[in-house]
Amino acid sequence: MSNASGSWALIGRFDDSPQLRADLDASCSTLHHHSDRRTHFKLVDEKGNTLATLRDGARRFEAVKGR
């Protein structure tokens, strides 16, 4: 379900918590690597501002600078 240039995956809306972030890190990292690192993920706040991304072979979400 990804194209040659990569895709962002929309999973859903969740309440933020340390445990949920750890769970998403593990799940999204696995999916990212199974898709040959073509599926990218990002965490956004309620206004749509990107807080962290998981892409380019990363093993966990990386915070966006300045956030």
C-alpha atoms as a PDB file:
ATOM      1  CA  MET A   1       0.000   0.000   0.000  1.00  0.00           C
ATOM      2  CA  SER A   2       2.842   2.416  -0.604  1.00  0.00           C
ATOM      3  CA  ASN A   3       4.030   4.036  -3.782  1.00  0.00           C
ATOM      4  CA  ALA A   4       7.591   4.240  -5.067  1.00  0.00           C
ATOM      5  CA  SER A   5       8.228   7.615  -3.464  1.00  0.00           C
ATOM      6  CA  GLY A   6       6.871   6.630  -0.058  1.00  0.00           C
ATOM      7  CA  SER A   7       3.681   7.269   1.844  1.00  0.00           C
ATOM      8  CA  TRP A   8       2.550   8.769   5.105  1.00  0.00           C
ATOM      9  CA  ALA A   9       0.236   6.506   7.064  1.00  0.00           C
ATOM     10  CA  LEU A  10      -2.789   7.944   8.853  1.00  0.00           C
ATOM     11  CA  ILE A  11      -3.554   5.725  11.827  1.00  0.00           C
ATOM     12  CA  GLY A  12      -6.003   7.741  13.913  1.00  0.00           C
ATOM     13  CA  ARG A  13      -6.392  10.118  16.818  1.00  0.00           C
ATOM     14  CA  PHE A  14      -5.199   9.129  20.278  1.00  0.00           C
ATOM     15  CA  ASP A  15      -4.829  10.711  23.686  1.00  0.00           C
ATOM     16  CA  ASP A  16      -1.145  11.397  24.373  1.00  0.00           C
ATOM     17  CA  SER A  17       0.663   9.441  27.085  1.00  0.00           C
ATOM     18  CA  PRO A  18       4.172   8.057  27.596  1.00  0.00           C
ATOM     19  CA  GLN A  19       2.887   4.471  27.307  1.00  0.00           C
ATOM     20  CA  LEU A  20       1.007   5.185  24.078  1.00  0.00           C
ATOM     21  CA  ARG A  21       4.078   6.827  22.562  1.00  0.00           C
ATOM     22  CA  ALA A  22       6.165   3.758  23.463  1.00  0.00           C
ATOM     23  CA  ASP A  23       3.543   1.463  21.931  1.00  0.00           C
ATOM     24  CA  LEU A  24       3.364   3.563  18.753  1.00  0.00           C
ATOM     25  CA  ASP A  25       7.172   3.621  18.523  1.00  0.00           C
ATOM     26  CA  ALA A  26       7.261  -0.179  18.540  1.00  0.00           C
ATOM     27  CA  SER A  27       4.331  -0.731  16.191  1.00  0.00           C
ATOM     28  CA  CYS A  28       5.165   1.980  13.676  1.00  0.00           C
ATOM     29  CA  SER A  29       8.837   1.035  13.597  1.00  0.00           C
ATOM     30  CA  THR A  30       7.912  -2.543  12.717  1.00  0.00           C
ATOM     31  CA  LEU A  31       5.565  -1.407   9.927  1.00  0.00           C
ATOM     32  CA  HIS A  32       8.168   1.074   8.650  1.00  0.00           C
ATOM     33  CA  HIS A  33      10.784  -1.653   8.280  1.00  0.00           C
ATOM     34  CA  HIS A  34       8.382  -4.200   6.764  1.00  0.00           C
ATOM     35  CA  SER A  35       7.496  -1.650   4.077  1.00  0.00           C
ATOM     36  CA  ASP A  36      11.194  -1.282   3.138  1.00  0.00           C
ATOM     37  CA  ARG A  37      11.121   2.060   4.958  1.00  0.00           C
ATOM     38  CA  ARG A  38       8.644   3.522   2.434  1.00  0.00           C
ATOM     39  CA  THR A  39       5.812   4.094   4.907  1.00  0.00           C
ATOM     40  CA  HIS A  40       6.443   7.117   7.093  1.00  0.00           C
ATOM     41  CA  PHE A  41       4.694   8.145  10.294  1.00  0.00           C
ATOM     42  CA  LYS A  42       4.323  11.425  12.145  1.00  0.00           C
ATOM     43  CA  LEU A  43       2.820  12.507  15.439  1.00  0.00           C
ATOM     44  CA  VAL A  44       0.858  15.739  15.247  1.00  0.00           C
ATOM     45  CA  ASP A  45      -0.834  17.901  17.864  1.00  0.00           C
ATOM     46  CA  GLU A  46      -4.508  18.887  17.851  1.00  0.00           C
ATOM     47  CA  LYS A  47      -3.742  21.759  15.460  1.00  0.00           C
ATOM     48  CA  GLY A  48      -1.936  19.526  12.963  1.00  0.00           C
ATOM     49  CA  ASN A  49       1.594  20.692  13.839  1.00  0.00           C
ATOM     50  CA  THR A  50       4.150  17.899  13.458  1.00  0.00           C
ATOM     51  CA  LEU A  51       5.727  16.907  16.787  1.00  0.00           C
ATOM     52  CA  ALA A  52       7.788  13.876  15.709  1.00  0.00           C
ATOM     53  CA  THR A  53       8.435  11.735  12.636  1.00  0.00           C
ATOM     54  CA  LEU A  54       9.509   8.169  11.946  1.00  0.00           C
ATOM     55  CA  ARG A  55      11.088   7.837   8.494  1.00  0.00           C
ATOM     56  CA  ASP A  56      14.303   7.186   6.598  1.00  0.00           C
ATOM     57  CA  GLY A  57      15.136   3.959   8.467  1.00  0.00           C
ATOM     58  CA  ALA A  58      14.602   5.369  11.955  1.00  0.00           C
ATOM     59  CA  ARG A  59      13.885   2.889  14.748  1.00  0.00           C
ATOM     60  CA  ARG A  60      11.721   5.296  16.765  1.00  0.00           C
ATOM     61  CA  PHE A  61       9.970   8.635  16.457  1.00  0.00           C
ATOM     62  CA  GLU A  62      12.344  11.591  16.322  1.00  0.00           C
ATOM     63  CA  ALA A  63      11.188  14.929  17.714  1.00  0.00           C
ATOM     64  CA  VAL A  64      10.938  17.829  15.303  1.00  0.00           C
ATOM     65  CA  LYS A  65      13.457  20.511  16.212  1.00  0.00           C
ATOM     66  CA  GLY A  66      11.893  23.382  18.120  1.00  0.00           C
ATOM     67  CA  ARG A  67       9.038  21.241  19.488  1.00  0.00           C
END
